[in-house]
Amino acid sequence: MAPLHPDSHFTDGAEEKRARTRDAEAAASIQGKLIGGICVGTFLFIATVVTLGSRPAQITLTSAALAVRAAGYSAEIVRGNIDSVRLTTQLNGLGSKLNGFQFGNAYAGLFTMRPFGKVRLFVNASRPPYVTIFSREGVVVVNADSPAATQRLFTALDGAGTRVAIP
């Protein structure tokens, strides 16, 4: 075998192995950061949805209509279309969620409820009472952030119809 010329660039492959190792470590670092970022982003998204969804319903009653908004869902009932209103202390017959938000005791959206069928719920189940509104638009069950505010809503629905903002 002929001796190598002193200017030859012979390597034993160690340099190539080190380069591949550096590339692999850099790729793993990028993957780790990406996975970490996705996990943090997912956690923040879920925390935001749960926090916003668990807030009490925003209820506005005017002489023309009742508007309810909670967790990205809403209902508007024309006052003249209200057939009857009932104040209850229990959510009997609550069935499945069809399209809505439910976390813990917070419910907003479309659910099934015996014996009414499809019902739009805007309630915190741990804060009775509940106002059940029967109208041409369907059945809506709502409660405010306190029993006193829910009672005021119930009374206002039977009252003169001036604008009432329920906290």
Protein backbone atom coordinates (compact mmCIF):
# COMPACT_ATOMS: atom_id res chain seq x y z
CA MET A 1 0.00 0.00 0.00
CA ALA A 2 1.31 3.37 -0.93
CA PRO A 3 1.79 5.91 1.81
CA LEU A 4 -0.63 8.79 1.79
CA HIS A 5 0.56 12.07 0.49
CA PRO A 6 1.02 14.54 3.36
CA ASP A 7 -1.50 16.94 1.78
CA SER A 8 -4.26 14.32 1.50
CA HIS A 9 -7.51 14.90 3.39
CA PHE A 10 -8.09 11.47 4.73
CA THR A 11 -10.44 11.16 7.72
CA ASP A 12 -11.50 8.19 9.69
CA GLY A 13 -15.19 9.26 9.56
CA ALA A 14 -15.19 10.76 13.07
CA GLU A 15 -15.78 14.26 11.76
CA GLU A 16 -18.77 13.09 9.73
CA LYS A 17 -20.20 11.28 12.78
CA ARG A 18 -19.84 14.44 14.89
CA ALA A 19 -21.61 16.48 12.20
CA ARG A 20 -24.49 13.98 12.02
CA THR A 21 -24.73 13.98 15.83
CA ARG A 22 -24.90 17.81 15.91
CA ASP A 23 -27.63 17.76 13.24
CA ALA A 24 -29.63 15.13 15.14
CA GLU A 25 -29.31 17.07 18.41
CA ALA A 26 -30.44 20.28 16.69
CA ALA A 27 -33.47 18.50 15.19
CA ALA A 28 -34.36 16.98 18.58
CA SER A 29 -34.10 20.41 20.20
CA ILE A 30 -36.42 21.93 17.62
CA GLN A 31 -38.89 19.05 18.04
CA GLY A 32 -38.81 19.45 21.81
CA LYS A 33 -39.48 23.17 21.57
CA LEU A 34 -42.30 22.60 19.08
CA ILE A 35 -43.96 19.97 21.26
CA GLY A 36 -43.57 22.18 24.32
CA GLY A 37 -45.08 25.13 22.47
CA ILE A 38 -48.03 23.04 21.31
CA CYS A 39 -48.63 21.77 24.86
CA VAL A 40 -48.50 25.27 26.36
CA GLY A 41 -50.76 26.64 23.60
CA THR A 42 -53.28 23.83 24.09
CA PHE A 43 -53.32 24.37 27.85
CA LEU A 44 -53.90 28.12 27.43
CA PHE A 45 -56.70 27.51 24.92
CA ILE A 46 -58.48 25.04 27.20
CA ALA A 47 -58.06 27.30 30.24
CA THR A 48 -59.53 30.23 28.30
CA VAL A 49 -62.52 28.21 27.07
CA VAL A 50 -63.26 26.85 30.54
CA THR A 51 -62.88 30.27 32.18
CA LEU A 52 -65.08 32.07 29.66
CA GLY A 53 -67.60 29.24 29.56
CA SER A 54 -68.00 29.14 33.32
CA ARG A 55 -69.01 32.80 33.60
CA PRO A 56 -72.65 33.54 34.44
CA ALA A 57 -75.02 34.22 31.57
CA GLN A 58 -75.47 37.80 30.39
CA ILE A 59 -79.19 38.48 30.54
CA THR A 60 -80.88 41.57 29.12
CA LEU A 61 -84.62 42.10 29.22
CA THR A 62 -86.20 44.93 27.23
CA SER A 63 -89.81 45.73 26.50
CA ALA A 64 -89.35 43.94 23.16
CA ALA A 65 -87.21 40.87 23.93
CA LEU A 66 -85.16 38.76 26.31
CA ALA A 67 -81.54 38.20 25.23
CA VAL A 68 -79.30 35.62 26.91
CA ARG A 69 -75.62 35.02 26.13
CA ALA A 70 -73.17 32.59 27.70
CA ALA A 71 -70.09 30.63 26.58
CA GLY A 72 -70.47 31.66 22.95
CA TYR A 73 -74.14 30.64 22.76
CA SER A 74 -77.13 32.96 22.71
CA ALA A 75 -80.89 33.06 22.60
CA GLU A 76 -83.30 35.89 21.91
CA ILE A 77 -86.98 35.59 22.68
CA VAL A 78 -89.50 38.16 21.54
CA ARG A 79 -91.58 39.17 24.59
CA GLY A 80 -94.83 38.79 22.65
CA ASN A 81 -93.93 35.17 21.82
CA ILE A 82 -93.58 34.12 25.48
CA ASP A 83 -96.42 31.75 26.38
CA SER A 84 -95.55 31.15 30.04
CA VAL A 85 -92.77 31.42 32.58
CA ARG A 86 -92.04 29.08 35.45
CA LEU A 87 -89.66 29.41 38.42
CA THR A 88 -88.25 26.06 39.58
CA THR A 89 -85.63 24.91 42.05
CA GLN A 90 -84.57 21.74 40.20
CA LEU A 91 -83.35 20.81 36.73
CA ASN A 92 -85.34 17.61 36.38
CA GLY A 93 -84.91 15.41 33.34
CA LEU A 94 -81.67 16.93 32.07
CA GLY A 95 -80.45 14.73 29.23
CA SER A 96 -77.64 14.94 26.73
CA LYS A 97 -75.79 17.85 25.17
CA LEU A 98 -76.69 18.34 21.50
CA ASN A 99 -74.63 21.45 20.76
CA GLY A 100 -73.29 23.39 23.68
CA PHE A 101 -70.83 23.93 26.46
CA GLN A 102 -70.82 21.91 29.65
CA PHE A 103 -68.11 22.03 32.27
CA GLY A 104 -68.79 21.23 35.90
CA ASN A 105 -72.10 22.90 36.74
CA ALA A 106 -72.06 25.37 33.82
CA TYR A 107 -74.39 24.60 30.90
CA ALA A 108 -74.89 26.75 27.79
CA GLY A 109 -76.37 25.76 24.46
CA LEU A 110 -78.75 23.11 23.18
CA PHE A 111 -79.53 20.12 25.42
CA THR A 112 -82.30 17.58 25.80
CA MET A 113 -84.57 17.73 28.80
CA ARG A 114 -87.51 15.53 29.64
CA PRO A 115 -90.40 16.19 29.01
CA PHE A 116 -89.63 19.21 26.79
CA GLY A 117 -87.25 17.69 24.24
CA LYS A 118 -84.72 20.22 22.91
CA VAL A 119 -84.05 23.02 25.39
CA ARG A 120 -81.63 25.95 25.31
CA LEU A 121 -79.89 26.04 28.68
CA PHE A 122 -78.01 28.99 30.17
CA VAL A 123 -77.56 27.87 33.76
CA ASN A 124 -75.19 27.16 36.58
CA ALA A 125 -76.74 23.99 37.98
CA SER A 126 -75.37 24.69 41.47
CA ARG A 127 -77.27 28.01 41.78
CA PRO A 128 -81.03 27.44 41.80
CA PRO A 129 -83.64 28.71 41.11
CA TYR A 130 -84.10 28.51 37.35
CA VAL A 131 -86.49 30.40 35.08
CA THR A 132 -88.08 28.18 32.43
CA ILE A 133 -89.49 30.18 29.54
CA PHE A 134 -91.97 28.59 27.14
CA SER A 135 -92.28 30.48 23.85
CA ARG A 136 -92.90 30.03 20.14
CA GLU A 137 -89.10 29.92 19.74
CA GLY A 138 -88.91 26.92 22.08
CA VAL A 139 -88.02 26.31 25.71
CA VAL A 140 -85.21 28.26 27.38
CA VAL A 141 -83.96 27.65 30.92
CA VAL A 142 -81.83 30.37 32.49
CA ASN A 143 -80.55 31.53 35.84
CA ALA A 144 -78.50 34.53 36.88
CA ASP A 145 -75.43 34.59 39.11
CA SER A 146 -77.53 34.83 42.29
CA PRO A 147 -80.95 33.57 43.42
CA ALA A 148 -82.08 37.18 43.96
CA ALA A 149 -81.15 38.16 40.38
CA THR A 150 -82.96 35.08 39.02
CA GLN A 151 -86.03 36.01 41.06
CA ARG A 152 -85.86 39.58 39.64
CA LEU A 153 -85.75 38.15 36.12
CA PHE A 154 -88.78 35.98 36.78
CA THR A 155 -90.69 38.92 38.25
CA ALA A 156 -89.64 41.24 35.39
CA LEU A 157 -90.88 38.77 32.76
CA ASP A 158 -94.36 39.15 34.28
CA GLY A 159 -93.93 42.92 34.82
CA ALA A 160 -94.33 46.07 32.74
CA GLY A 161 -91.44 45.25 30.41
CA THR A 162 -89.03 48.10 31.08
CA ARG A 163 -85.36 47.47 30.36
CA VAL A 164 -83.76 45.38 33.09
CA ALA A 165 -80.11 44.29 33.09
CA ILE A 166 -79.67 41.22 35.26
CA PRO A 167 -76.16 41.04 36.76
